[in-house]
PDB file of N, CA and C in Angstrom:
ATOM      1  N   MET A   1       2.828  -8.992   4.558  1.00  0.00           N
ATOM      2  CA  MET A   1       1.660  -9.740   4.993  1.00  0.00           C
ATOM      3  C   MET A   1       1.696  -9.864   6.503  1.00  0.00           C
ATOM      4  N   ARG A   2       0.559  -9.760   7.104  1.00  0.00           N
ATOM      5  CA  ARG A   2       0.444  -9.969   8.538  1.00  0.00           C
ATOM      6  C   ARG A   2       0.702 -11.414   8.894  1.00  0.00           C
ATOM      7  N   PRO A   3       1.492 -11.681   9.900  1.00  0.00           N
ATOM      8  CA  PRO A   3       1.668 -13.068  10.324  1.00  0.00           C
ATOM      9  C   PRO A   3       0.329 -13.737  10.649  1.00  0.00           C
ATOM     10  N   SER A   4      -0.608 -13.014  11.245  1.00  0.00           N
ATOM     11  CA  SER A   4      -1.889 -13.610  11.611  1.00  0.00           C
ATOM     12  C   SER A   4      -2.778 -13.867  10.399  1.00  0.00           C
ATOM     13  N   SER A   5      -2.455 -13.270   9.235  1.00  0.00           N
ATOM     14  CA  SER A   5      -3.281 -13.484   8.050  1.00  0.00           C
ATOM     15  C   SER A   5      -2.721 -14.582   7.155  1.00  0.00           C
ATOM     16  N   ALA A   6      -1.646 -15.210   7.572  1.00  0.00           N
ATOM     17  CA  ALA A   6      -1.100 -16.315   6.789  1.00  0.00           C
ATOM     18  C   ALA A   6      -2.108 -17.460   6.767  1.00  0.00           C
ATOM     19  N   ILE A   7      -2.284 -18.059   5.616  1.00  0.00           N
ATOM     20  CA  ILE A   7      -3.228 -19.162   5.469  1.00  0.00           C
ATOM     21  C   ILE A   7      -2.665 -20.392   6.163  1.00  0.00           C
ATOM     22  N   GLN A   8      -3.502 -21.023   6.952  1.00  0.00           N
ATOM     23  CA  GLN A   8      -3.130 -22.244   7.659  1.00  0.00           C
ATOM     24  C   GLN A   8      -3.879 -23.425   7.060  1.00  0.00           C
ATOM     25  N   VAL A   9      -3.240 -24.566   6.993  1.00  0.00           N
ATOM     26  CA  VAL A   9      -3.872 -25.809   6.581  1.00  0.00           C
ATOM     27  C   VAL A   9      -4.159 -26.598   7.847  1.00  0.00           C
ATOM     28  N   SER A  10      -5.386 -27.073   7.983  1.00  0.00           N
ATOM     29  CA  SER A  10      -5.772 -27.820   9.178  1.00  0.00           C
ATOM     30  C   SER A  10      -6.159 -29.244   8.814  1.00  0.00           C
ATOM     31  N   ARG A  11      -5.729 -30.162   9.656  1.00  0.00           N
ATOM     32  CA  ARG A  11      -6.100 -31.557   9.489  1.00  0.00           C
ATOM     33  C   ARG A  11      -6.019 -32.229  10.846  1.00  0.00           C
ATOM     34  N   ARG A  12      -7.104 -32.878  11.205  1.00  0.00           N
ATOM     35  CA  ARG A  12      -7.182 -33.594  12.480  1.00  0.00           C
ATOM     36  C   ARG A  12      -6.805 -32.714  13.665  1.00  0.00           C
ATOM     37  N   GLY A  13      -7.248 -31.463  13.613  1.00  0.00           N
ATOM     38  CA  GLY A  13      -7.034 -30.560  14.732  1.00  0.00           C
ATOM     39  C   GLY A  13      -5.687 -29.865  14.757  1.00  0.00           C
ATOM     40  N   ALA A  14      -4.772 -30.231  13.878  1.00  0.00           N
ATOM     41  CA  ALA A  14      -3.453 -29.586  13.844  1.00  0.00           C
ATOM     42  C   ALA A  14      -3.417 -28.594  12.686  1.00  0.00           C
ATOM     43  N   SER A  15      -2.829 -27.424  12.928  1.00  0.00           N
ATOM     44  CA  SER A  15      -2.687 -26.402  11.892  1.00  0.00           C
ATOM     45  C   SER A  15      -1.219 -26.221  11.543  1.00  0.00           C
ATOM     46  N   ARG A  16      -0.982 -25.919  10.276  1.00  0.00           N
ATOM     47  CA  ARG A  16       0.392 -25.677   9.816  1.00  0.00           C
ATOM     48  C   ARG A  16       0.335 -24.757   8.607  1.00  0.00           C
ATOM     49  N   LEU A  17       1.472 -24.196   8.255  1.00  0.00           N
ATOM     50  CA  LEU A  17       1.562 -23.439   7.011  1.00  0.00           C
ATOM     51  C   LEU A  17       1.477 -24.420   5.848  1.00  0.00           C
ATOM     52  N   PRO A  18       0.892 -24.011   4.716  1.00  0.00           N
ATOM     53  CA  PRO A  18       0.830 -24.922   3.571  1.00  0.00           C
ATOM     54  C   PRO A  18       2.227 -25.150   2.990  1.00  0.00           C
ATOM     55  N   ASN A  19       2.395 -26.328   2.376  1.00  0.00           N
ATOM     56  CA  ASN A  19       3.657 -26.563   1.676  1.00  0.00           C
ATOM     57  C   ASN A  19       3.633 -25.793   0.353  1.00  0.00           C
ATOM     58  N   GLU A  20       4.709 -25.834  -0.387  1.00  0.00           N
ATOM     59  CA  GLU A  20       4.813 -25.028  -1.610  1.00  0.00           C
ATOM     60  C   GLU A  20       3.711 -25.359  -2.618  1.00  0.00           C
ATOM     61  N   GLN A  21       3.442 -26.624  -2.832  1.00  0.00           N
ATOM     62  CA  GLN A  21       2.408 -27.029  -3.794  1.00  0.00           C
ATOM     63  C   GLN A  21       1.024 -26.537  -3.351  1.00  0.00           C
ATOM     64  N   GLU A  22       0.720 -26.667  -2.066  1.00  0.00           N
ATOM     65  CA  GLU A  22      -0.563 -26.200  -1.541  1.00  0.00           C
ATOM     66  C   GLU A  22      -0.671 -24.677  -1.645  1.00  0.00           C
ATOM     67  N   ALA A  23       0.415 -23.975  -1.340  1.00  0.00           N
ATOM     68  CA  ALA A  23       0.402 -22.514  -1.398  1.00  0.00           C
ATOM     69  C   ALA A  23       0.185 -22.023  -2.824  1.00  0.00           C
ATOM     70  N   ARG A  24       0.836 -22.668  -3.796  1.00  0.00           N
ATOM     71  CA  ARG A  24       0.629 -22.285  -5.203  1.00  0.00           C
ATOM     72  C   ARG A  24      -0.814 -22.539  -5.623  1.00  0.00           C
ATOM     73  N   ALA A  25      -1.387 -23.661  -5.209  1.00  0.00           N
ATOM     74  CA  ALA A  25      -2.776 -23.979  -5.550  1.00  0.00           C
ATOM     75  C   ALA A  25      -3.724 -22.953  -4.924  1.00  0.00           C
ATOM     76  N   LEU A  26      -3.478 -22.550  -3.688  1.00  0.00           N
ATOM     77  CA  LEU A  26      -4.305 -21.541  -3.034  1.00  0.00           C
ATOM     78  C   LEU A  26      -4.207 -20.192  -3.747  1.00  0.00           C
ATOM     79  N   ALA A  27      -2.985 -19.796  -4.126  1.00  0.00           N
ATOM     80  CA  ALA A  27      -2.797 -18.524  -4.829  1.00  0.00           C
ATOM     81  C   ALA A  27      -3.507 -18.536  -6.176  1.00  0.00           C
ATOM     82  N   LEU A  28      -3.358 -19.616  -6.936  1.00  0.00           N
ATOM     83  CA  LEU A  28      -4.031 -19.711  -8.234  1.00  0.00           C
ATOM     84  C   LEU A  28      -5.543 -19.723  -8.067  1.00  0.00           C
ATOM     85  N   GLY A  29      -6.036 -20.429  -7.066  1.00  0.00           N
ATOM     86  CA  GLY A  29      -7.469 -20.449  -6.804  1.00  0.00           C
ATOM     87  C   GLY A  29      -8.006 -19.068  -6.455  1.00  0.00           C
ATOM     88  N   ALA A  30      -7.254 -18.321  -5.659  1.00  0.00           N
ATOM     89  CA  ALA A  30      -7.668 -16.967  -5.294  1.00  0.00           C
ATOM     90  C   ALA A  30      -7.678 -16.060  -6.517  1.00  0.00           C
ATOM     91  N   LEU A  31      -6.665 -16.158  -7.372  1.00  0.00           N
ATOM     92  CA  LEU A  31      -6.632 -15.347  -8.587  1.00  0.00           C
ATOM     93  C   LEU A  31      -7.770 -15.714  -9.534  1.00  0.00           C
ATOM     94  N   TRP A  32      -8.064 -17.002  -9.687  1.00  0.00           N
ATOM     95  CA  TRP A  32      -9.157 -17.437 -10.547  1.00  0.00           C
ATOM     96  C   TRP A  32     -10.480 -16.894 -10.024  1.00  0.00           C
ATOM     97  N   THR A  33     -10.689 -16.981  -8.707  1.00  0.00           N
ATOM     98  CA  THR A  33     -11.919 -16.476  -8.106  1.00  0.00           C
ATOM     99  C   THR A  33     -12.045 -14.976  -8.312  1.00  0.00           C
ATOM    100  N   LEU A  34     -10.975 -14.235  -8.113  1.00  0.00           N
ATOM    101  CA  LEU A  34     -11.000 -12.794  -8.335  1.00  0.00           C
ATOM    102  C   LEU A  34     -11.327 -12.482  -9.785  1.00  0.00           C
ATOM    103  N   ASP A  35     -10.750 -13.221 -10.717  1.00  0.00           N
ATOM    104  CA  ASP A  35     -11.023 -12.998 -12.135  1.00  0.00           C
ATOM    105  C   ASP A  35     -12.481 -13.294 -12.457  1.00  0.00           C
ATOM    106  N   GLN A  36     -13.045 -14.337 -11.861  1.00  0.00           N
ATOM    107  CA  GLN A  36     -14.444 -14.695 -12.125  1.00  0.00           C
ATOM    108  C   GLN A  36     -15.411 -13.667 -11.536  1.00  0.00           C
ATOM    109  N   THR A  37     -15.048 -13.059 -10.425  1.00  0.00           N
ATOM    110  CA  THR A  37     -15.962 -12.123  -9.763  1.00  0.00           C
ATOM    111  C   THR A  37     -15.750 -10.679 -10.198  1.00  0.00           C
ATOM    112  N   ALA A  38     -14.513 -10.276 -10.402  1.00  0.00           N
ATOM    113  CA  ALA A  38     -14.228  -8.876 -10.731  1.00  0.00           C
ATOM    114  C   ALA A  38     -13.594  -8.703 -12.099  1.00  0.00           C
ATOM    115  N   GLY A  39     -12.993  -9.753 -12.644  1.00  0.00           N
ATOM    116  CA  GLY A  39     -12.314  -9.649 -13.932  1.00  0.00           C
ATOM    117  C   GLY A  39     -11.017  -8.884 -13.817  1.00  0.00           C
ATOM    118  N   GLY A  40     -10.348  -8.731 -14.932  1.00  0.00           N
ATOM    119  CA  GLY A  40      -9.152  -7.907 -14.975  1.00  0.00           C
ATOM    120  C   GLY A  40      -7.855  -8.581 -14.578  1.00  0.00           C
ATOM    121  N   ILE A  41      -7.810  -9.904 -14.551  1.00  0.00           N
ATOM    122  CA  ILE A  41      -6.559 -10.601 -14.249  1.00  0.00           C
ATOM    123  C   ILE A  41      -5.858 -10.914 -15.564  1.00  0.00           C
ATOM    124  N   LYS A  42      -4.625 -10.470 -15.686  1.00  0.00           N
ATOM    125  CA  LYS A  42      -3.805 -10.742 -16.859  1.00  0.00           C
ATOM    126  C   LYS A  42      -2.556 -11.483 -16.403  1.00  0.00           C
ATOM    127  N   VAL A  43      -2.140 -12.485 -17.169  1.00  0.00           N
ATOM    128  CA  VAL A  43      -0.950 -13.257 -16.811  1.00  0.00           C
ATOM    129  C   VAL A  43      -0.017 -13.355 -18.004  1.00  0.00           C
ATOM    130  N   THR A  44       1.259 -13.487 -17.717  1.00  0.00           N
ATOM    131  CA  THR A  44       2.261 -13.703 -18.760  1.00  0.00           C
ATOM    132  C   THR A  44       3.460 -14.414 -18.148  1.00  0.00           C
ATOM    133  N   ASN A  45       4.219 -15.046 -18.996  1.00  0.00           N
ATOM    134  CA  ASN A  45       5.465 -15.682 -18.579  1.00  0.00           C
ATOM    135  C   ASN A  45       6.621 -14.903 -19.175  1.00  0.00           C
ATOM    136  N   THR A  46       7.679 -14.741 -18.393  1.00  0.00           N
ATOM    137  CA  THR A  46       8.869 -14.038 -18.847  1.00  0.00           C
ATOM    138  C   THR A  46      10.060 -14.612 -18.089  1.00  0.00           C
ATOM    139  N   GLN A  47      11.172 -13.928 -18.118  1.00  0.00           N
ATOM    140  CA  GLN A  47      12.338 -14.369 -17.356  1.00  0.00           C
ATOM    141  C   GLN A  47      13.120 -13.165 -16.875  1.00  0.00           C
ATOM    142  N   ASP A  48      13.869 -13.375 -15.796  1.00  0.00           N
ATOM    143  CA  ASP A  48      14.674 -12.285 -15.259  1.00  0.00           C
ATOM    144  C   ASP A  48      15.971 -12.163 -16.055  1.00  0.00           C
ATOM    145  N   ALA A  49      16.844 -11.265 -15.651  1.00  0.00           N
ATOM    146  CA  ALA A  49      18.090 -11.002 -16.375  1.00  0.00           C
ATOM    147  C   ALA A  49      19.012 -12.215 -16.421  1.00  0.00           C
ATOM    148  N   ASN A  50      18.833 -13.145 -15.476  1.00  0.00           N
ATOM    149  CA  ASN A  50      19.659 -14.352 -15.442  1.00  0.00           C
ATOM    150  C   ASN A  50      19.004 -15.535 -16.139  1.00  0.00           C
ATOM    151  N   GLY A  51      17.845 -15.302 -16.770  1.00  0.00           N
ATOM    152  CA  GLY A  51      17.159 -16.370 -17.478  1.00  0.00           C
ATOM    153  C   GLY A  51      16.236 -17.216 -16.617  1.00  0.00           C
ATOM    154  N   LYS A  52      16.084 -16.842 -15.352  1.00  0.00           N
ATOM    155  CA  LYS A  52      15.197 -17.583 -14.452  1.00  0.00           C
ATOM    156  C   LYS A  52      13.744 -17.259 -14.814  1.00  0.00           C
ATOM    157  N   PRO A  53      12.886 -18.285 -14.952  1.00  0.00           N
ATOM    158  CA  PRO A  53      11.502 -18.023 -15.354  1.00  0.00           C
ATOM    159  C   PRO A  53      10.716 -17.256 -14.294  1.00  0.00           C
ATOM    160  N   LEU A  54       9.854 -16.368 -14.784  1.00  0.00           N
ATOM    161  CA  LEU A  54       8.977 -15.581 -13.924  1.00  0.00           C
ATOM    162  C   LEU A  54       7.555 -15.672 -14.447  1.00  0.00           C
ATOM    163  N   ALA A  55       6.605 -15.884 -13.568  1.00  0.00           N
ATOM    164  CA  ALA A  55       5.184 -15.799 -13.894  1.00  0.00           C
ATOM    165  C   ALA A  55       4.705 -14.458 -13.344  1.00  0.00           C
ATOM    166  N   VAL A  56       4.129 -13.640 -14.207  1.00  0.00           N
ATOM    167  CA  VAL A  56       3.710 -12.295 -13.822  1.00  0.00           C
ATOM    168  C   VAL A  56       2.189 -12.208 -13.881  1.00  0.00           C
ATOM    169  N   VAL A  57       1.595 -11.683 -12.814  1.00  0.00           N
ATOM    170  CA  VAL A  57       0.156 -11.472 -12.751  1.00  0.00           C
ATOM    171  C   VAL A  57      -0.098  -9.980 -12.597  1.00  0.00           C
ATOM    172  N   VAL A  58      -1.008  -9.458 -13.410  1.00  0.00           N
ATOM    173  CA  VAL A  58      -1.420  -8.065 -13.312  1.00  0.00           C
ATOM    174  C   VAL A  58      -2.888  -8.049 -12.929  1.00  0.00           C
ATOM    175  N   ILE A  59      -3.216  -7.301 -11.898  1.00  0.00           N
ATOM    176  CA  ILE A  59      -4.601  -7.145 -11.460  1.00  0.00           C
ATOM    177  C   ILE A  59      -5.010  -5.724 -11.831  1.00  0.00           C
ATOM    178  N   GLU A  60      -5.883  -5.627 -12.845  1.00  0.00           N
ATOM    179  CA  GLU A  60      -6.310  -4.313 -13.314  1.00  0.00           C
ATOM    180  C   GLU A  60      -7.136  -3.598 -12.252  1.00  0.00           C
ATOM    181  N   ASN A  61      -7.032  -2.279 -12.238  1.00  0.00           N
ATOM    182  CA  ASN A  61      -7.806  -1.419 -11.337  1.00  0.00           C
ATOM    183  C   ASN A  61      -7.614  -1.768  -9.868  1.00  0.00           C
ATOM    184  N   ALA A  62      -6.392  -2.088  -9.493  1.00  0.00           N
ATOM    185  CA  ALA A  62      -6.090  -2.384  -8.089  1.00  0.00           C
ATOM    186  C   ALA A  62      -4.750  -1.762  -7.718  1.00  0.00           C
ATOM    187  N   GLN A  63      -4.589  -1.464  -6.455  1.00  0.00           N
ATOM    188  CA  GLN A  63      -3.342  -0.904  -5.937  1.00  0.00           C
ATOM    189  C   GLN A  63      -3.023  -1.521  -4.590  1.00  0.00           C
ATOM    190  N   PHE A  64      -1.724  -1.727  -4.349  1.00  0.00           N
ATOM    191  CA  PHE A  64      -1.285  -2.081  -3.003  1.00  0.00           C
ATOM    192  C   PHE A  64      -1.270  -0.811  -2.177  1.00  0.00           C
ATOM    193  N   GLN A  65      -1.730  -0.918  -0.949  1.00  0.00           N
ATOM    194  CA  GLN A  65      -1.719   0.193  -0.008  1.00  0.00           C
ATOM    195  C   GLN A  65      -1.218  -0.326   1.329  1.00  0.00           C
ATOM    196  N   ARG A  66      -1.011   0.569   2.260  1.00  0.00           N
ATOM    197  CA  ARG A  66      -0.598   0.203   3.617  1.00  0.00           C
ATOM    198  C   ARG A  66      -1.717   0.548   4.582  1.00  0.00           C
ATOM    199  N   ASP A  67      -1.970  -0.360   5.535  1.00  0.00           N
ATOM    200  CA  ASP A  67      -2.959  -0.055   6.556  1.00  0.00           C
ATOM    201  C   ASP A  67      -2.288   0.707   7.702  1.00  0.00           C
ATOM    202  N   GLU A  68      -3.043   0.955   8.759  1.00  0.00           N
ATOM    203  CA  GLU A  68      -2.536   1.760   9.882  1.00  0.00           C
ATOM    204  C   GLU A  68      -1.315   1.145  10.561  1.00  0.00           C
ATOM    205  N   GLN A  69      -1.184  -0.184  10.509  1.00  0.00           N
ATOM    206  CA  GLN A  69      -0.039  -0.859  11.126  1.00  0.00           C
ATOM    207  C   GLN A  69       1.132  -1.023  10.151  1.00  0.00           C
ATOM    208  N   GLY A  70       0.967  -0.558   8.900  1.00  0.00           N
ATOM    209  CA  GLY A  70       2.044  -0.650   7.920  1.00  0.00           C
ATOM    210  C   GLY A  70       2.043  -1.924   7.098  1.00  0.00           C
ATOM    211  N   TYR A  71       0.983  -2.746   7.218  1.00  0.00           N
ATOM    212  CA  TYR A  71       0.886  -3.980   6.443  1.00  0.00           C
ATOM    213  C   TYR A  71       0.288  -3.711   5.072  1.00  0.00           C
ATOM    214  N   SER A  72       0.706  -4.465   4.073  1.00  0.00           N
ATOM    215  CA  SER A  72       0.204  -4.301   2.715  1.00  0.00           C
ATOM    216  C   SER A  72      -1.229  -4.808   2.592  1.00  0.00           C
ATOM    217  N   THR A  73      -2.039  -4.061   1.853  1.00  0.00           N
ATOM    218  CA  THR A  73      -3.381  -4.476   1.506  1.00  0.00           C
ATOM    219  C   THR A  73      -3.541  -4.262  -0.004  1.00  0.00           C
ATOM    220  N   LEU A  74      -4.516  -4.923  -0.595  1.00  0.00           N
ATOM    221  CA  LEU A  74      -4.804  -4.774  -2.015  1.00  0.00           C
ATOM    222  C   LEU A  74      -6.209  -4.225  -2.134  1.00  0.00           C
ATOM    223  N   LYS A  75      -6.314  -3.012  -2.656  1.00  0.00           N
ATOM    224  CA  LYS A  75      -7.599  -2.336  -2.729  1.00  0.00           C
ATOM    225  C   LYS A  75      -7.947  -2.018  -4.172  1.00  0.00           C
ATOM    226  N   PRO A  76      -9.258  -2.037  -4.478  1.00  0.00           N
ATOM    227  CA  PRO A  76      -9.662  -1.566  -5.811  1.00  0.00           C
ATOM    228  C   PRO A  76      -9.315  -0.085  -5.935  1.00  0.00           C
ATOM    229  N   LYS A  77      -8.823   0.299  -7.096  1.00  0.00           N
ATOM    230  CA  LYS A  77      -8.483   1.702  -7.330  1.00  0.00           C
ATOM    231  C   LYS A  77      -9.747   2.467  -7.678  1.00  0.00           C
ATOM    232  N   GLU A  78      -9.945   3.569  -7.006  1.00  0.00           N
ATOM    233  CA  GLU A  78     -11.107   4.412  -7.277  1.00  0.00           C
ATOM    234  C   GLU A  78     -10.906   5.117  -8.608  1.00  0.00           C
ATOM    235  N   ASN A  79     -11.919   5.072  -9.454  1.00  0.00           N
ATOM    236  CA  ASN A  79     -11.872   5.801 -10.731  1.00  0.00           C
ATOM    237  C   ASN A  79     -12.219   7.257 -10.477  1.00  0.00           C
ATOM    238  N   THR A  80     -11.283   8.128 -10.836  1.00  0.00           N
ATOM    239  CA  THR A  80     -11.531   9.551 -10.631  1.00  0.00           C
ATOM    240  C   THR A  80     -11.473  10.294 -11.932  1.00  0.00           C
TER     241      THR A  80
END
């Protein structure tokens, strides 16, 4: 992720990175919005080899790509 694209929380003129609870709420809100507009969001719960819980999100018809500066982007996959 680009440092300049990190989401900032602003209050009374001061900006900061969101705390963990705010960041999770923003991520869930973004996924819900994407599902409502484009569909194709699938979720499941699982665990890693050590038993640590994992929440897995699959975005159908999408791929991570790199832009010219080498930063990750998420693009719709072209149907060919």
